[in-house]
């Protein structure tokens, strides 16, 4: 049986590692890659009862995994290479923010009894970094008070789950999420706004093996609101309420043949909560900066498969990811676009542990913004001529992971 010391020692190490990372490559600033198999299978794993690394996508799975050991560990290191640029007035400018990131994550769990299991997942479900040089967007005409510079979110989620095995073919889990924002920045060329925050939410998941070859899974994560406190210009105390969206994933997993397994997933992300960012004076609650986003809820469609020959598995996947950001409220701080994800990977079973690898290519659609709403200096730039231009982004993701029972 695990002890809490065994759990929180690796948690401390991984938290310090996560503090050094930020990125964005899913819809909005969502990061759905939780494991190496997730990278290899385009994150279509919510109904996969065959691997420990799928628990990050559906915690109820930990109750149905068959093993002679009581304890489960799944860890991964995900490397992201992300770049974005904008072409305006015959000039192309690339974001000068960090473009290469290493993201660690892990799950560790234990069967408390034949029916009850407990687990801890540490990962980073959201992240963002863009940084634009001065005068990237000429409509600001030298007024640097609102011209965007650095936008950053660095955070991690500690997710504690209990799973109950109701019978030999189904289980349900319930968990608590702690979102910890380690670095939140919303800087213009003239001033810096930065802070930290903590917020809490919950999640519930279900898995059912309809028959030996077919399973269904569903996982819901609640929205999480975190109140960030920090400073503007290093002096003025500020307050900012940041709401992270709810997420609902459902999937069907089928063994087509003895060797081939396929899964189809759909995810709904409640981005409509990301409407207005109001940075307030911490002394009198007056508005310091206001940004209107009015994002839309999105759907992501995922398909994955694995082909098994003895101890070898070839993993593959595809996903189509909608952007929540419409042209009417487009912001260069998060230059989002619809995208396609193509992935492949490999797993080898060593007996006592499995080694997984994954490679994903993210193909963003070019985003051409041609607003007719004239930007007025020192006013809201989102959705105006201030951000007119052609935005291009691309991302490559590589991951390696380890699953074991002990």
Protein backbone atom coordinates (compact mmCIF):
# COMPACT_ATOMS: atom_id res chain seq x y z
CA UNK A 1 0.00 0.00 0.00
CA UNK A 2 1.26 3.51 -0.81
CA UNK A 3 1.97 6.10 1.86
CA UNK A 4 1.28 9.83 1.50
CA UNK A 5 5.03 10.45 1.75
CA UNK A 6 5.51 8.32 -1.38
CA UNK A 7 2.84 10.37 -3.15
CA UNK A 8 3.92 13.88 -2.22
CA UNK A 9 7.68 13.46 -2.73
CA UNK A 10 7.25 13.06 -6.52
CA UNK A 11 4.51 15.72 -6.47
CA UNK A 12 6.97 18.29 -5.13
CA UNK A 13 9.56 17.40 -7.78
CA UNK A 14 7.08 17.55 -10.66
CA UNK A 15 5.55 20.82 -9.42
CA UNK A 16 8.96 22.49 -9.53
CA UNK A 17 9.47 21.13 -13.06
CA UNK A 18 6.09 22.36 -14.27
CA UNK A 19 6.92 25.87 -13.09
CA UNK A 20 9.37 26.23 -15.98
CA UNK A 21 6.89 25.56 -18.79
CA UNK A 22 4.15 27.28 -20.78
CA UNK A 23 2.69 26.83 -24.24
CA UNK A 24 -0.49 26.68 -26.27
CA UNK A 25 -1.40 24.25 -29.04
CA UNK A 26 -4.94 22.94 -28.45
CA UNK A 27 -8.16 24.93 -28.82
CA UNK A 28 -7.83 28.19 -26.95
CA UNK A 29 -5.01 27.59 -24.49
CA UNK A 30 -6.00 23.98 -23.72
CA UNK A 31 -3.30 21.30 -23.38
CA UNK A 32 -4.97 17.87 -23.68
CA UNK A 33 -1.73 15.83 -23.86
CA UNK A 34 -1.42 14.02 -20.52
CA UNK A 35 0.72 11.00 -21.45
CA UNK A 36 2.99 9.56 -24.14
CA UNK A 37 0.18 7.29 -25.35
CA UNK A 38 -2.07 10.37 -25.43
CA UNK A 39 0.38 12.08 -27.79
CA UNK A 40 0.60 8.91 -29.94
CA UNK A 41 -3.20 8.47 -30.10
CA UNK A 42 -4.28 12.13 -30.46
CA UNK A 43 -5.70 11.95 -26.91
CA UNK A 44 -8.43 9.43 -27.80
CA UNK A 45 -8.13 7.27 -24.66
CA UNK A 46 -11.19 7.88 -22.48
CA UNK A 47 -12.53 4.33 -23.06
CA UNK A 48 -9.21 2.45 -23.28
CA UNK A 49 -9.07 -0.11 -20.43
CA UNK A 50 -5.85 -1.73 -21.65
CA UNK A 51 -3.20 0.74 -20.42
CA UNK A 52 -2.29 2.63 -17.24
CA UNK A 53 -1.57 5.86 -19.15
CA UNK A 54 -5.27 6.08 -20.11
CA UNK A 55 -6.16 6.73 -16.44
CA UNK A 56 -5.18 10.39 -16.95
CA UNK A 57 -8.10 10.64 -19.41
CA UNK A 58 -10.55 8.58 -17.32
CA UNK A 59 -9.67 7.92 -13.64
CA UNK A 60 -12.34 5.19 -13.37
CA UNK A 61 -10.13 2.97 -15.55
CA UNK A 62 -7.77 2.36 -12.61
CA UNK A 63 -10.38 0.03 -11.03
CA UNK A 64 -10.59 -2.22 -14.12
CA UNK A 65 -6.89 -2.63 -14.91
CA UNK A 66 -5.82 -6.22 -14.26
CA UNK A 67 -2.58 -6.69 -12.33
CA UNK A 68 -1.04 -8.87 -9.64
CA UNK A 69 0.19 -5.69 -7.90
CA UNK A 70 -1.84 -3.18 -5.90
CA UNK A 71 -0.03 -0.05 -7.06
CA UNK A 72 0.09 1.72 -10.43
CA UNK A 73 2.50 4.30 -11.81
CA UNK A 74 2.37 6.09 -15.16
CA UNK A 75 4.78 8.92 -15.93
CA UNK A 76 5.66 10.87 -19.05
CA UNK A 77 7.75 13.72 -20.36
CA UNK A 78 6.21 15.72 -23.20
CA UNK A 79 8.33 18.03 -25.36
CA UNK A 80 6.53 20.75 -27.36
CA UNK A 81 7.99 22.90 -30.11
CA UNK A 82 5.58 25.76 -30.88
CA UNK A 83 5.92 28.80 -33.14
CA UNK A 84 3.54 31.53 -34.28
CA UNK A 85 3.88 34.58 -36.53
CA UNK A 86 1.80 37.37 -38.05
CA UNK A 87 2.11 39.09 -41.43
CA UNK A 88 0.90 42.70 -41.47
CA UNK A 89 1.60 45.49 -43.98
CA UNK A 90 4.09 43.41 -45.96
CA UNK A 91 5.98 42.62 -42.73
CA UNK A 92 6.21 39.24 -41.01
CA UNK A 93 6.89 39.15 -37.27
CA UNK A 94 7.47 36.04 -35.19
CA UNK A 95 6.53 35.76 -31.54
CA UNK A 96 9.73 36.06 -29.47
CA UNK A 97 8.37 34.14 -26.49
CA UNK A 98 9.61 30.72 -25.43
CA UNK A 99 9.00 28.16 -28.17
CA UNK A 100 10.36 24.93 -26.69
CA UNK A 101 8.91 23.33 -23.55
CA UNK A 102 9.29 20.13 -21.55
CA UNK A 103 6.18 19.11 -19.60
CA UNK A 104 6.38 16.33 -17.00
CA UNK A 105 3.29 14.57 -15.69
CA UNK A 106 2.42 11.46 -13.74
CA UNK A 107 -0.30 9.30 -12.23
CA UNK A 108 0.23 7.15 -9.13
CA UNK A 109 -2.54 4.99 -7.68
CA UNK A 110 -3.32 2.10 -5.37
CA UNK A 111 -6.06 -0.49 -4.92
CA UNK A 112 -7.25 0.08 -1.35
CA UNK A 113 -9.56 -2.94 -1.59
CA UNK A 114 -11.13 -5.14 -4.25
CA UNK A 115 -13.71 -2.40 -4.88
CA UNK A 116 -12.01 0.88 -3.98
CA UNK A 117 -8.96 2.56 -5.57
CA UNK A 118 -7.22 5.88 -4.97
CA UNK A 119 -5.00 7.89 -7.31
CA UNK A 120 -3.24 11.20 -7.84
CA UNK A 121 -2.74 12.80 -11.26
CA UNK A 122 -0.39 15.76 -11.72
CA UNK A 123 -0.37 17.46 -15.11
CA UNK A 124 -0.87 20.81 -16.84
CA UNK A 125 -4.22 21.08 -18.68
CA UNK A 126 -3.76 24.71 -19.80
CA UNK A 127 -0.86 26.89 -20.89
CA UNK A 128 -0.07 30.00 -22.91
CA UNK A 129 2.84 32.10 -24.09
CA UNK A 130 3.02 34.72 -26.81
CA UNK A 131 5.35 37.72 -26.87
CA UNK A 132 5.26 40.33 -29.60
CA UNK A 133 8.04 42.90 -30.25
CA UNK A 134 7.25 46.62 -30.11
CA UNK A 135 5.46 47.99 -33.23
CA UNK A 136 4.37 44.55 -34.46
CA UNK A 137 0.90 46.06 -34.89
CA UNK A 138 1.22 49.51 -36.50
CA UNK A 139 -2.38 50.71 -35.80
CA UNK A 140 -1.32 51.39 -32.19
CA UNK A 141 0.62 54.37 -33.61
CA UNK A 142 3.19 54.47 -30.83
CA UNK A 143 0.62 54.27 -28.05
CA UNK A 144 2.11 51.44 -26.03
CA UNK A 145 -0.45 51.34 -23.21
CA UNK A 146 -2.49 48.57 -24.88
CA UNK A 147 -0.14 47.22 -27.55
CA UNK A 148 0.32 43.56 -26.50
CA UNK A 149 3.66 42.23 -25.36
CA UNK A 150 3.87 39.11 -23.17
CA UNK A 151 0.84 36.92 -22.43
CA UNK A 152 1.62 33.90 -20.24
CA UNK A 153 -0.09 31.20 -18.20
CA UNK A 154 1.98 28.62 -16.32
CA UNK A 155 -0.03 26.25 -14.17
CA UNK A 156 -0.50 22.70 -12.96
CA UNK A 157 -3.39 20.58 -11.74
CA UNK A 158 -3.23 18.16 -8.79
CA UNK A 159 -6.19 15.81 -9.28
CA UNK A 160 -7.10 13.40 -6.43
CA UNK A 161 -9.50 10.59 -7.39
CA UNK A 162 -11.35 7.74 -5.70
CA UNK A 163 -12.67 5.00 -7.98
CA UNK A 164 -15.32 2.42 -7.08
CA UNK A 165 -15.62 -0.86 -8.97
CA UNK A 166 -19.35 -1.59 -8.99
CA UNK A 167 -18.90 -4.95 -10.75
CA UNK A 168 -16.40 -6.78 -12.95
CA UNK A 169 -17.22 -4.65 -15.98
CA UNK A 170 -17.86 -1.11 -14.71
CA UNK A 171 -16.48 1.53 -12.37
CA UNK A 172 -17.11 5.14 -11.39
CA UNK A 173 -14.72 7.71 -9.98
CA UNK A 174 -14.95 11.09 -8.27
CA UNK A 175 -12.14 13.57 -7.84
CA UNK A 176 -11.06 17.01 -6.64
CA UNK A 177 -8.93 19.32 -8.81
CA UNK A 178 -6.57 21.98 -7.54
CA UNK A 179 -5.52 24.43 -10.27
CA UNK A 180 -2.39 26.31 -9.26
CA UNK A 181 -1.38 29.27 -11.46
CA UNK A 182 2.34 29.71 -10.98
CA UNK A 183 2.81 32.60 -13.39
CA UNK A 184 0.03 34.72 -14.94
CA UNK A 185 1.12 37.70 -17.06
CA UNK A 186 -0.87 40.13 -19.21
CA UNK A 187 1.74 42.67 -20.28
CA UNK A 188 1.57 45.56 -22.72
CA UNK A 189 4.56 47.34 -24.22
CA UNK A 190 4.12 50.04 -21.55
CA UNK A 191 3.37 48.08 -18.36
CA UNK A 192 3.42 44.64 -16.76
CA UNK A 193 0.55 42.88 -15.00
CA UNK A 194 1.46 39.66 -13.20
CA UNK A 195 0.07 37.41 -10.49
CA UNK A 196 -0.56 33.94 -9.08
CA UNK A 197 -3.73 32.10 -8.11
CA UNK A 198 -5.30 28.89 -6.83
CA UNK A 199 -8.72 27.46 -7.69
CA UNK A 200 -10.66 24.26 -7.03
CA UNK A 201 -13.06 22.09 -9.03
CA UNK A 202 -14.28 18.51 -9.28
CA UNK A 203 -14.52 15.70 -11.79
CA UNK A 204 -16.49 12.50 -12.26
CA UNK A 205 -15.81 9.61 -14.65
CA UNK A 206 -17.37 6.30 -15.67
CA UNK A 207 -16.14 3.24 -17.58
CA UNK A 208 -18.15 0.22 -18.73
CA UNK A 209 -16.97 -2.86 -20.61
CA UNK A 210 -20.11 -3.74 -22.56
CA UNK A 211 -18.49 -7.01 -23.63
CA UNK A 212 -14.90 -8.33 -23.84
CA UNK A 213 -14.31 -6.36 -27.04
CA UNK A 214 -16.24 -3.13 -26.46
CA UNK A 215 -16.07 -0.43 -23.78
CA UNK A 216 -17.51 3.06 -23.31
CA UNK A 217 -16.08 5.84 -21.18
CA UNK A 218 -17.09 9.34 -20.10
CA UNK A 219 -15.25 11.96 -18.05
CA UNK A 220 -16.50 15.36 -16.88
CA UNK A 221 -14.34 18.11 -15.36
CA UNK A 222 -16.04 21.12 -13.80
CA UNK A 223 -15.15 24.72 -14.54
CA UNK A 224 -12.60 26.21 -12.14
CA UNK A 225 -12.43 29.84 -11.09
CA UNK A 226 -9.17 31.15 -9.68
CA UNK A 227 -8.74 34.64 -8.21
CA UNK A 228 -5.32 35.91 -9.20
CA UNK A 229 -3.60 38.53 -7.07
CA UNK A 230 -0.47 40.37 -8.07
CA UNK A 231 0.79 43.73 -9.20
CA UNK A 232 0.62 46.12 -12.15
CA UNK A 233 3.89 47.83 -12.90
CA UNK A 234 5.38 46.11 -9.88
CA UNK A 235 3.58 48.57 -7.58
CA UNK A 236 -0.22 48.66 -7.85
CA UNK A 237 -1.96 45.62 -6.27
CA UNK A 238 -4.38 44.00 -8.73
CA UNK A 239 -7.07 41.29 -8.74
CA UNK A 240 -8.15 39.17 -11.72
CA UNK A 241 -10.73 36.37 -11.77
CA UNK A 242 -9.77 33.70 -14.32
CA UNK A 243 -12.30 30.97 -15.15
CA UNK A 244 -11.09 27.76 -16.77
CA UNK A 245 -13.73 25.87 -18.80
CA UNK A 246 -15.62 22.70 -18.01
CA UNK A 247 -14.75 19.67 -20.18
CA UNK A 248 -16.81 16.61 -21.11
CA UNK A 249 -15.26 13.68 -23.02
CA UNK A 250 -17.10 10.55 -24.19
CA UNK A 251 -15.70 7.66 -26.20
CA UNK A 252 -16.20 4.18 -27.63
CA UNK A 253 -13.38 1.61 -27.76
CA UNK A 254 -13.63 -1.57 -29.88
CA UNK A 255 -11.35 -4.56 -30.51
CA UNK A 256 -11.92 -4.96 -34.24
CA UNK A 257 -9.69 -8.03 -34.48
CA UNK A 258 -7.29 -9.88 -32.20
CA UNK A 259 -4.59 -7.39 -33.19
CA UNK A 260 -6.44 -4.15 -34.06
CA UNK A 261 -8.15 -1.81 -31.57
CA UNK A 262 -9.93 1.44 -32.49
CA UNK A 263 -11.43 4.30 -30.46
CA UNK A 264 -13.64 7.29 -31.28
CA UNK A 265 -13.97 10.23 -28.83
CA UNK A 266 -15.79 13.56 -28.74
CA UNK A 267 -14.89 16.35 -26.32
CA UNK A 268 -16.97 19.42 -25.45
CA UNK A 269 -15.08 22.36 -23.93
CA UNK A 270 -17.12 25.14 -22.29
CA UNK A 271 -15.07 28.11 -23.47
CA UNK A 272 -18.05 30.47 -23.21
CA UNK A 273 -16.89 31.20 -19.63
CA UNK A 274 -13.90 33.02 -21.13
CA UNK A 275 -15.79 36.24 -21.79
CA UNK A 276 -14.36 39.33 -20.08
CA UNK A 277 -10.98 39.71 -18.42
CA UNK A 278 -11.26 42.58 -15.97
CA UNK A 279 -8.05 43.44 -14.16
CA UNK A 280 -9.07 45.44 -11.10
CA UNK A 281 -7.33 47.72 -8.65
CA UNK A 282 -6.80 45.67 -5.48
CA UNK A 283 -7.38 48.75 -3.32
CA UNK A 284 -10.72 50.04 -4.63
CA UNK A 285 -11.87 47.43 -7.25
CA UNK A 286 -11.82 49.96 -10.10
CA UNK A 287 -11.01 48.55 -13.54
CA UNK A 288 -7.37 48.90 -14.60
CA UNK A 289 -7.56 46.92 -17.88
CA UNK A 290 -10.56 45.26 -19.53
CA UNK A 291 -10.42 42.75 -22.38
CA UNK A 292 -13.52 41.30 -24.09
CA UNK A 293 -13.13 37.81 -25.58
CA UNK A 294 -16.65 36.25 -25.70
CA UNK A 295 -15.37 32.83 -26.78
CA UNK A 296 -17.65 30.01 -27.94
CA UNK A 297 -17.97 26.44 -26.67
CA UNK A 298 -16.12 23.96 -28.91
CA UNK A 299 -16.12 20.33 -30.00
CA UNK A 300 -13.05 18.20 -30.65
CA UNK A 301 -13.32 14.96 -32.64
CA UNK A 302 -10.71 12.26 -32.05
CA UNK A 303 -9.94 8.83 -33.49
CA UNK A 304 -7.16 6.47 -32.51
CA UNK A 305 -5.96 2.92 -32.95
CA UNK A 306 -3.34 0.42 -31.95
CA UNK A 307 -2.02 -2.65 -33.71
CA UNK A 308 -0.52 -5.30 -31.43
CA UNK A 309 1.91 -8.07 -32.33
CA UNK A 310 3.14 -9.93 -29.24
CA UNK A 311 5.03 -7.34 -27.15
CA UNK A 312 4.93 -4.61 -29.80
CA UNK A 313 2.22 -1.98 -30.35
CA UNK A 314 1.96 0.57 -33.15
CA UNK A 315 -0.18 3.52 -31.98
CA UNK A 316 -1.79 6.14 -34.21
CA UNK A 317 -4.41 8.87 -34.07
CA UNK A 318 -6.13 11.87 -35.65
CA UNK A 319 -8.11 14.79 -34.19
CA UNK A 320 -9.93 17.86 -35.45
CA UNK A 321 -9.97 20.74 -32.98
CA UNK A 322 -12.26 23.78 -33.27
CA UNK A 323 -11.17 27.23 -32.17
CA UNK A 324 -13.42 29.03 -29.65
CA UNK A 325 -12.32 32.45 -30.91
CA UNK A 326 -14.39 34.21 -33.58
CA UNK A 327 -13.20 37.08 -35.78
CA UNK A 328 -15.40 39.62 -33.95
CA UNK A 329 -13.29 39.27 -30.79
CA UNK A 330 -9.97 38.08 -32.18
CA UNK A 331 -6.93 38.87 -30.01
CA UNK A 332 -3.29 38.52 -30.98
CA UNK A 333 -2.57 37.57 -27.37
CA UNK A 334 -4.06 34.16 -28.20
CA UNK A 335 -3.88 33.85 -32.01
CA UNK A 336 -6.02 30.72 -32.15
CA UNK A 337 -7.27 28.75 -35.17
CA UNK A 338 -8.91 25.46 -36.11
CA UNK A 339 -6.38 22.66 -36.37
CA UNK A 340 -5.78 19.03 -37.23
CA UNK A 341 -3.64 16.65 -35.17
CA UNK A 342 -1.77 13.73 -36.73
CA UNK A 343 0.03 11.30 -34.44
CA UNK A 344 1.91 8.02 -34.29
CA UNK A 345 3.76 6.10 -31.59
CA UNK A 346 5.17 2.84 -30.36
CA UNK A 347 4.95 0.76 -27.18
CA UNK A 348 7.09 -2.17 -26.06
CA UNK A 349 6.04 -4.44 -23.21
CA UNK A 350 9.01 -5.46 -21.04
CA UNK A 351 6.78 -7.52 -18.75
CA UNK A 352 7.22 -5.61 -15.50
CA UNK A 353 6.79 -2.25 -17.28
CA UNK A 354 5.81 -0.76 -20.63
CA UNK A 355 7.69 1.95 -22.51
CA UNK A 356 5.62 4.32 -24.68
CA UNK A 357 6.62 6.95 -27.22
CA UNK A 358 4.54 9.36 -29.26
CA UNK A 359 4.97 11.94 -32.02
CA UNK A 360 2.30 14.48 -32.97
CA UNK A 361 2.18 17.08 -35.74
CA UNK A 362 -0.29 19.93 -35.24
CA UNK A 363 -1.44 21.57 -38.47
CA UNK A 364 -3.05 24.97 -37.78
CA UNK A 365 -5.25 26.61 -40.38
CA UNK A 366 -3.96 30.04 -41.42
CA UNK A 367 -6.02 32.73 -39.70
CA UNK A 368 -6.72 35.77 -41.90
CA UNK A 369 -8.15 38.68 -39.88
CA UNK A 370 -9.60 41.53 -41.95
CA UNK A 371 -11.78 43.49 -39.55
CA UNK A 372 -13.75 46.54 -40.70
CA UNK A 373 -14.02 47.88 -37.14
CA UNK A 374 -11.57 50.76 -36.87
CA UNK A 375 -9.26 50.68 -33.89
CA UNK A 376 -9.36 53.81 -31.73
CA UNK A 377 -6.10 54.31 -29.77
CA UNK A 378 -6.30 53.42 -26.05
CA UNK A 379 -9.58 51.54 -26.58
CA UNK A 380 -10.35 47.80 -26.80
CA UNK A 381 -8.21 46.36 -29.66
CA UNK A 382 -9.86 42.89 -29.82
CA UNK A 383 -11.78 42.34 -33.05
CA UNK A 384 -10.60 45.60 -34.63
CA UNK A 385 -8.22 46.68 -37.39
CA UNK A 386 -5.45 46.72 -34.76
CA UNK A 387 -4.99 42.97 -35.26
CA UNK A 388 -5.60 42.67 -39.00
CA UNK A 389 -3.15 40.30 -40.64
CA UNK A 390 -2.42 36.69 -41.49
CA UNK A 391 -1.54 34.47 -38.51
CA UNK A 392 0.35 31.20 -38.92
CA UNK A 393 1.27 28.67 -36.25
CA UNK A 394 2.69 25.17 -36.06
CA UNK A 395 3.56 22.70 -33.32
CA UNK A 396 5.46 19.43 -33.02
CA UNK A 397 5.13 17.24 -29.93
CA UNK A 398 7.25 14.30 -28.81
CA UNK A 399 6.76 12.25 -25.68
CA UNK A 400 8.19 9.28 -23.85
CA UNK A 401 6.47 7.51 -20.98
CA UNK A 402 6.67 4.59 -18.57
CA UNK A 403 3.89 2.45 -17.06
CA UNK A 404 4.49 -0.04 -14.26
CA UNK A 405 2.82 -1.92 -11.41
CA UNK A 406 4.50 -2.43 -8.03
